[in-house]
Every structure is written in structure tokens, then in C-alpha cells.
Amino acid sequence: MKIEITQELLERYHQGKCSIDEQFAIKQWLQNIAESEFTISPPVDIQGIEDKTWAELSNRIFPENELRKTNWTWLIRVAASIVLITGLTFYIYHVSGNHQEQGSAALSYHEVKVPKGRRATCTLPDGTIIQLNSDSKLRYPEKFTDTSRVVEFEGEAFFTVAKDKKRPFSINSKQVIVQVLGTHFNLRAYPEENKTDVVVEEGRVMFSPKIKKASLILTANQQGVYGADQSLKQQTVYAAAYCNWRNNQLQFKDQKLSDIASTLERWYNVEVLIDNRLLRNERYTGRFNNPDMKSVLNSLEFAIGFHYKIAGNIVTIY
């Protein structure tokens, strides 16, 4: 039975008086109308987020003139509050604070986690903007020191680093350290992958493995790759092609199906199983704009020659 979302129903939900079916219907309704990405710059302004959420929801559900003529303003504000309380972590990421002793001073840290199937943007205290791809994690101090700016990162992100000659910006990942003064670049450092790479769009970075006394100085349209065999390579690339994920473009360049499967898992929050081992090393090149998962799978199916089935959030390739 379809449950109609009314002002009375939302009020009862807000008071915790709804049945399980009614709670489920309201959550589904909120997921359909709410934005899947927000931008939060710590310290978090909860009231500001609620006001922004309310404005976005009201604009999407009712035209401006219609909203003025009705009494639904209160309903939308309640809905925005529910989104803020019950859905913020689900839609974006979880920010937590912890403390770490450094000398005699206690530093407070923020941790940003972006789940699979989501993306987020974070602004650091110095003005650096970081666009995080799905399944990524960032840890940074609430306040940088007077001599350096150091963050910890895993996953994939595009960094627009605020210029500050007196305080170099460093990124610690599992395998490498990236050092910059002010630049735009894409860093891919998923812990489960066998390589880490950085692509510079503008400026200059130093790319250094943690366990090897070597480094690369990279400038615009150059890529540095550190492999599982501890090799360090530099090549000229078209930087924009490596940052297309920011515009919801999915691109594969001569990639193995096993690597493509990992990307699909992050993009669509699914589990991809490849039953036929021979298929794992098949390679594919292609690009998709605003793709749904079935469109990507259909293209892969045609090009590589496999079959697939979807059961819930599990995709089986055979």
C-alpha cells in the first residue's frame, strides 16, 4: 500500500510516533528529493546546513510562487531537519574529531570519510579545497602549524592547494608523500591497489616514495606512478582526462576488467564478482557521461564478450 507523505505524517515522524512502514516511506521520500552531495567546511555550521537544506528542498519540491501561497513552508523545514539529522552521514561523510599530542600541545584532528557511491568536497582551514571521490578518507588538523601543512589521505581526490610559500603542503598516503606549495592535481592512492599515482593539472609537486630514496618533480600534464615493484615512473599525459570523475564522467584507458570492477564497486556501491578467471585480465577503453551502471555493463559485455547478472547489490560477471 502506497503511503502518502503529508504534513501530519511528517510531524508524527518528527515526534517518533510513526510505524515502521511509515518511517521507511518517509526515508525513501527524503532520499528521492534530497541532494546526494553537500559541501561542508569545518567548523561545521549546523544551522547553516539546515537552512541550506531547507532552501534546496523547498526549491525542488515547489516553485517559488507556489511556496508563498501555501502553508508547506513548515513541512519543508521539518523535512530539512530530518534530512540533517538522519541522512547527513549517509549522503556525505562522517567527520570526527580526535586529539593527538605533539610536543606539549594537543592537536585536534578532523577525519572525513566518503562512502562508496558518494563524493564530497572539503575546505581546509588554509583555504585548500579537496574534492574527494568515493571510498576515500582524509585526516587533517583543525589548525595547521606555522611552518607546515600536513594531511593524511587514502583514496582518490582532486586537490586545489592554497598558496603559502612559508608553509609547504604535504600529503601522506600509504606508499608516497606528495609535497606542494600551491597547485592543482589529482592523487589516486587506494590502499588495496598496487600503485599510487599523481597527475598535475597546474603548478608543481614533488612525488616521493616512503621507502625509496628517490623523487620526481612533476609539472602540468605530467604523471608520476609508484608501482608495487617499487618502480617510479614519470610520463606526459592529458591531465583533464584523469580528473573527469569530478564531472561525473567515467573513463577507462586500456584497463583490466578486474580494475574496472573495483571502480564500479566504488561508483555504484555494489560488489562485483568475476566468475571466469580468464576475463579478469581482459582490457577495455571507453568513456561515459553521467552513466548508470547497466549502460557501463552493457558496453563492457559487448566489447569483451561476457554475460552478467544483477541480484540486489551483487553483480556477477561470467
Protein backbone atom coordinates (compact mmCIF):
# COMPACT_ATOMS: atom_id res chain seq x y z
CA MET A 1 0.00 0.00 0.00
CA LYS A 2 1.42 3.38 -1.00
CA ILE A 3 1.76 5.81 1.90
CA GLU A 4 1.07 9.46 1.12
CA ILE A 5 3.54 11.93 2.63
CA THR A 6 1.52 14.60 4.41
CA GLN A 7 2.24 17.38 6.89
CA GLU A 8 0.60 15.33 9.64
CA LEU A 9 2.73 12.28 8.79
CA LEU A 10 5.96 14.30 8.84
CA GLU A 11 5.01 15.82 12.18
CA ARG A 12 4.40 12.35 13.67
CA TYR A 13 7.74 11.18 12.23
CA HIS A 14 9.49 14.14 13.84
CA GLN A 15 7.86 13.13 17.16
CA GLY A 16 8.88 9.46 16.77
CA LYS A 17 5.29 8.20 16.51
CA CYS A 18 5.39 6.59 13.02
CA SER A 19 5.10 2.89 12.27
CA ILE A 20 7.99 1.01 10.64
CA ASP A 21 6.27 1.18 7.23
CA GLU A 22 5.66 4.91 7.61
CA GLN A 23 9.29 5.51 8.65
CA PHE A 24 10.51 3.59 5.60
CA ALA A 25 8.20 5.55 3.26
CA ILE A 26 9.41 8.89 4.63
CA LYS A 27 13.08 7.91 4.35
CA GLN A 28 12.55 6.83 0.73
CA TRP A 29 10.78 10.13 0.01
CA LEU A 30 13.63 12.11 1.55
CA GLN A 31 16.24 10.18 -0.42
CA ASN A 32 14.41 10.97 -3.66
CA ILE A 33 14.21 14.71 -3.04
CA ALA A 34 17.43 15.40 -1.15
CA GLU A 35 20.73 16.27 -2.78
CA SER A 36 23.28 13.45 -2.69
CA GLU A 37 26.23 15.81 -2.15
CA PHE A 38 26.79 18.76 0.15
CA THR A 39 29.83 20.85 0.88
CA ILE A 40 30.91 21.25 4.49
CA SER A 41 33.79 23.41 5.64
CA PRO A 42 34.72 22.81 9.27
CA PRO A 43 33.96 24.05 11.79
CA VAL A 44 30.51 22.69 10.88
CA ASP A 45 27.70 25.25 10.94
CA ILE A 46 24.71 23.04 11.72
CA GLN A 47 22.18 25.85 11.47
CA GLY A 48 23.68 26.93 8.16
CA ILE A 49 23.47 23.40 6.79
CA GLU A 50 19.83 23.13 7.88
CA ASP A 51 18.99 26.46 6.26
CA LYS A 52 20.73 25.40 3.05
CA THR A 53 18.99 22.03 3.07
CA TRP A 54 15.62 23.68 3.63
CA ALA A 55 16.21 26.11 0.77
CA GLU A 56 17.27 23.35 -1.62
CA LEU A 57 14.34 21.10 -0.74
CA SER A 58 11.78 23.90 -0.96
CA ASN A 59 13.06 24.98 -4.37
CA ARG A 60 12.98 21.44 -5.69
CA ILE A 61 9.52 20.50 -4.40
CA PHE A 62 7.60 23.73 -5.02
CA PRO A 63 8.15 26.69 -7.34
CA GLU A 64 8.84 29.94 -5.52
CA ASN A 65 5.44 31.48 -6.21
CA GLU A 66 3.56 28.38 -5.16
CA LEU A 67 5.51 28.12 -1.93
CA ARG A 68 4.46 31.60 -0.93
CA LYS A 69 0.78 30.74 -1.43
CA THR A 70 0.77 27.63 0.75
CA ASN A 71 1.44 26.60 4.32
CA TRP A 72 4.01 23.97 3.28
CA THR A 73 6.97 26.06 4.40
CA TRP A 74 6.85 24.47 7.85
CA LEU A 75 6.62 20.98 6.34
CA ILE A 76 9.68 21.51 4.19
CA ARG A 77 11.65 22.87 7.14
CA VAL A 78 10.76 19.76 9.14
CA ALA A 79 11.86 17.62 6.20
CA ALA A 80 15.13 19.51 6.02
CA SER A 81 15.68 18.91 9.71
CA ILE A 82 15.02 15.19 9.25
CA VAL A 83 17.48 15.06 6.37
CA LEU A 84 20.05 16.83 8.50
CA ILE A 85 19.57 14.54 11.50
CA THR A 86 19.04 11.16 9.84
CA GLY A 87 20.65 11.46 6.44
CA LEU A 88 23.73 13.67 6.59
CA THR A 89 26.18 10.88 7.34
CA PHE A 90 24.53 8.59 4.77
CA TYR A 91 24.65 11.11 1.98
CA ILE A 92 28.04 12.65 2.55
CA TYR A 93 30.64 11.52 5.00
CA HIS A 94 31.40 11.28 8.66
CA VAL A 95 33.51 13.97 10.32
CA SER A 96 35.01 13.11 13.69
CA GLY A 97 37.41 14.96 15.94
CA ASN A 98 40.24 13.39 17.92
CA HIS A 99 43.34 14.63 19.67
CA GLN A 100 46.99 13.81 19.27
CA GLU A 101 49.86 15.04 21.38
CA GLN A 102 52.64 16.84 19.54
CA GLY A 103 55.29 18.12 21.89
CA SER A 104 53.47 19.91 24.66
CA ALA A 105 50.50 20.95 22.53
CA ALA A 106 47.39 18.85 21.83
CA LEU A 107 46.29 18.95 18.20
CA SER A 108 42.66 18.37 17.30
CA TYR A 109 42.05 16.42 14.09
CA HIS A 110 39.12 16.03 11.71
CA GLU A 111 38.53 12.84 9.75
CA VAL A 112 36.43 12.82 6.60
CA LYS A 113 35.16 9.50 5.22
CA VAL A 114 33.32 9.31 1.89
CA PRO A 115 31.36 6.06 1.41
CA LYS A 116 31.12 4.10 -1.83
CA GLY A 117 28.68 5.60 -4.30
CA ARG A 118 29.20 9.16 -2.97
CA ARG A 119 31.52 12.12 -3.49
CA ALA A 120 32.19 15.18 -1.33
CA THR A 121 34.08 18.46 -1.16
CA CYS A 122 36.03 19.63 1.87
CA THR A 123 37.62 23.02 2.53
CA LEU A 124 40.62 23.02 4.88
CA PRO A 125 41.48 25.77 7.38
CA ASP A 126 44.03 27.31 4.98
CA GLY A 127 41.53 27.54 2.11
CA THR A 128 42.70 24.40 0.28
CA ILE A 129 39.78 22.71 -1.49
CA ILE A 130 39.71 18.92 -1.78
CA GLN A 131 37.17 17.10 -3.96
CA LEU A 132 37.01 13.53 -2.73
CA ASN A 133 35.97 10.59 -4.87
CA SER A 134 34.02 7.65 -3.45
CA ASP A 135 35.54 5.37 -0.82
CA SER A 136 38.14 7.96 0.25
CA LYS A 137 39.39 9.14 3.64
CA LEU A 138 41.07 12.37 4.71
CA ARG A 139 42.54 13.30 8.10
CA TYR A 140 43.78 16.82 8.85
CA PRO A 141 44.43 19.06 11.88
CA GLU A 142 41.87 21.61 12.95
CA LYS A 143 44.65 24.19 12.68
CA PHE A 144 47.90 23.92 10.72
CA THR A 145 51.23 24.85 12.33
CA ASP A 146 53.18 27.99 11.47
CA THR A 147 55.72 26.04 9.38
CA SER A 148 53.84 23.25 7.59
CA ARG A 149 50.51 21.89 6.38
CA VAL A 150 50.31 18.09 6.60
CA VAL A 151 47.31 15.84 5.89
CA GLU A 152 46.81 12.07 5.69
CA PHE A 153 44.90 10.59 2.78
CA GLU A 154 43.77 7.41 1.07
CA GLY A 155 41.51 7.02 -1.95
CA GLU A 156 41.23 9.48 -4.83
CA ALA A 157 40.85 13.26 -4.71
CA PHE A 158 41.49 16.43 -6.65
CA PHE A 159 43.46 18.99 -4.63
CA THR A 160 43.37 22.74 -5.18
CA VAL A 161 46.05 23.80 -2.71
CA ALA A 162 46.07 27.35 -1.36
CA LYS A 163 49.41 29.04 -1.99
CA ASP A 164 51.57 29.63 1.06
CA LYS A 165 55.33 29.77 0.48
CA LYS A 166 56.09 29.73 4.19
CA ARG A 167 54.09 26.54 4.81
CA PRO A 168 54.57 23.73 2.26
CA PHE A 169 51.58 21.42 1.86
CA SER A 170 52.28 17.67 2.28
CA ILE A 171 50.04 14.65 1.77
CA ASN A 172 50.91 11.37 3.47
CA SER A 173 49.44 8.26 1.86
CA LYS A 174 50.24 4.61 2.46
CA GLN A 175 53.10 4.47 -0.05
CA VAL A 176 54.10 8.00 -1.01
CA ILE A 177 54.41 11.60 0.13
CA VAL A 178 53.31 14.46 -2.13
CA GLN A 179 54.73 17.92 -1.38
CA VAL A 180 53.47 21.16 -2.94
CA LEU A 181 53.43 24.92 -2.45
CA GLY A 182 50.25 25.68 -4.38
CA THR A 183 48.85 23.73 -7.29
CA HIS A 184 46.02 21.66 -8.77
CA PHE A 185 46.48 17.90 -9.05
CA ASN A 186 44.74 14.54 -8.81
CA LEU A 187 46.01 11.92 -6.36
CA ARG A 188 44.92 8.28 -6.52
CA ALA A 189 46.11 6.25 -3.53
CA TYR A 190 43.67 3.45 -2.71
CA PRO A 191 45.39 1.12 -0.21
CA GLU A 192 44.17 -2.05 -1.95
CA GLU A 193 45.54 -1.04 -5.36
CA ASN A 194 49.07 -1.97 -6.39
CA LYS A 195 50.11 1.53 -7.42
CA THR A 196 49.83 5.18 -6.42
CA ASP A 197 49.75 7.97 -8.98
CA VAL A 198 49.51 11.73 -9.12
CA VAL A 199 48.59 13.83 -12.17
CA VAL A 200 49.38 17.56 -12.13
CA GLU A 201 46.95 19.94 -13.80
CA GLU A 202 48.68 23.16 -12.76
CA GLY A 203 51.79 24.07 -10.75
CA ARG A 204 54.48 21.69 -9.47
CA VAL A 205 54.65 18.85 -6.98
CA MET A 206 57.31 16.57 -5.53
CA PHE A 207 56.31 12.89 -5.61
CA SER A 208 58.35 10.68 -3.25
CA PRO A 209 58.01 7.01 -2.18
CA LYS A 210 58.27 6.49 1.57
CA ILE A 211 60.67 3.54 1.39
CA LYS A 212 62.83 4.61 -1.52
CA LYS A 213 65.36 7.45 -1.72
CA ALA A 214 64.06 8.90 -4.94
CA SER A 215 61.59 11.55 -6.03
CA LEU A 216 60.01 13.14 -9.08
CA ILE A 217 59.34 16.82 -9.74
CA LEU A 218 56.12 16.97 -11.74
CA THR A 219 54.64 19.93 -13.60
CA ALA A 220 51.45 20.48 -15.62
CA ASN A 221 50.27 17.46 -17.65
CA GLN A 222 52.78 15.11 -16.07
CA GLN A 223 52.01 11.92 -14.17
CA GLY A 224 54.08 10.14 -11.55
CA VAL A 225 53.40 6.47 -10.81
CA TYR A 226 54.81 4.40 -7.97
CA GLY A 227 54.25 0.68 -8.55
CA ALA A 228 54.08 -2.39 -6.36
CA ASP A 229 57.56 -3.34 -7.62
CA GLN A 230 58.84 -0.04 -6.12
CA SER A 231 59.36 1.41 -9.59
CA LEU A 232 58.96 5.17 -10.01
CA LYS A 233 57.84 6.38 -13.43
CA GLN A 234 57.11 9.75 -14.99
CA GLN A 235 55.20 10.41 -18.20
CA THR A 236 53.39 13.15 -20.09
CA VAL A 237 49.59 12.86 -20.06
CA TYR A 238 46.47 14.91 -20.70
CA ALA A 239 45.68 15.86 -17.11
CA ALA A 240 42.00 16.66 -17.64
CA ALA A 241 41.31 13.07 -18.65
CA TYR A 242 42.34 11.87 -15.19
CA CYS A 243 40.07 14.31 -13.39
CA ASN A 244 36.84 13.68 -15.31
CA TRP A 245 35.28 11.90 -12.35
CA ARG A 246 34.67 15.35 -10.83
CA ASN A 247 32.17 15.98 -13.65
CA ASN A 248 30.57 12.55 -13.25
CA GLN A 249 32.46 11.13 -16.24
CA LEU A 250 33.69 7.57 -16.00
CA GLN A 251 36.74 6.79 -18.13
CA PHE A 252 38.81 3.65 -18.69
CA LYS A 253 42.04 3.60 -20.66
CA ASP A 254 43.28 0.11 -21.55
CA GLN A 255 42.37 -1.15 -18.09
CA LYS A 256 41.95 -4.72 -16.89
CA LEU A 257 38.42 -5.88 -16.16
CA SER A 258 39.48 -6.66 -12.57
CA ASP A 259 40.50 -3.00 -12.09
CA ILE A 260 37.32 -1.79 -13.78
CA ALA A 261 35.30 -3.96 -11.41
CA SER A 262 36.90 -2.20 -8.42
CA THR A 263 35.97 1.19 -9.87
CA LEU A 264 32.37 0.09 -10.44
CA GLU A 265 32.17 -1.07 -6.83
CA ARG A 266 33.16 2.39 -5.62
CA TRP A 267 30.96 4.30 -8.06
CA TYR A 268 27.78 2.31 -7.54
CA ASN A 269 28.27 0.82 -4.06
CA VAL A 270 27.95 -2.75 -5.30
CA GLU A 271 30.01 -5.93 -5.13
CA VAL A 272 31.33 -7.18 -8.49
CA LEU A 273 32.23 -10.86 -8.79
CA ILE A 274 34.13 -12.19 -11.83
CA ASP A 275 33.42 -15.94 -12.03
CA ASN A 276 35.61 -16.59 -15.07
CA ARG A 277 39.32 -16.06 -14.24
CA LEU A 278 40.20 -15.62 -17.91
CA LEU A 279 38.06 -12.50 -18.01
CA ARG A 280 39.95 -10.72 -15.23
CA ASN A 281 42.85 -9.66 -17.50
CA GLU A 282 40.70 -8.60 -20.46
CA ARG A 283 41.28 -4.92 -21.24
CA TYR A 284 38.86 -2.16 -22.15
CA THR A 285 38.93 1.50 -23.21
CA GLY A 286 35.88 3.74 -23.05
CA ARG A 287 34.29 6.86 -21.61
CA PHE A 288 30.81 7.51 -20.22
CA ASN A 289 28.98 10.72 -19.31
CA ASN A 290 26.65 10.57 -16.30
CA PRO A 291 26.47 6.78 -16.66
CA ASP A 292 24.11 4.36 -14.99
CA MET A 293 25.62 1.00 -14.09
CA LYS A 294 23.69 -1.04 -16.67
CA SER A 295 24.90 1.17 -19.53
CA VAL A 296 28.50 0.59 -18.49
CA LEU A 297 27.99 -3.15 -18.04
CA ASN A 298 26.25 -3.45 -21.42
CA SER A 299 29.16 -1.73 -23.16
CA LEU A 300 31.69 -3.96 -21.38
CA GLU A 301 29.61 -7.03 -22.18
CA PHE A 302 29.60 -6.21 -25.89
CA ALA A 303 33.28 -5.25 -26.12
CA ILE A 304 34.78 -8.06 -24.03
CA GLY A 305 32.22 -10.78 -24.65
CA PHE A 306 30.88 -11.83 -21.27
CA HIS A 307 27.49 -12.11 -19.59
CA TYR A 308 26.37 -10.62 -16.30
CA LYS A 309 23.51 -10.76 -13.82
CA ILE A 310 22.46 -8.44 -11.03
CA ALA A 311 20.98 -9.68 -7.76
CA GLY A 312 20.45 -6.90 -5.23
CA ASN A 313 23.78 -5.11 -4.87
CA ILE A 314 25.82 -8.03 -6.26
CA VAL A 315 26.92 -8.06 -9.92
CA THR A 316 28.20 -11.38 -11.23
CA ILE A 317 30.24 -11.46 -14.46
CA TYR A 318 30.61 -14.85 -16.17
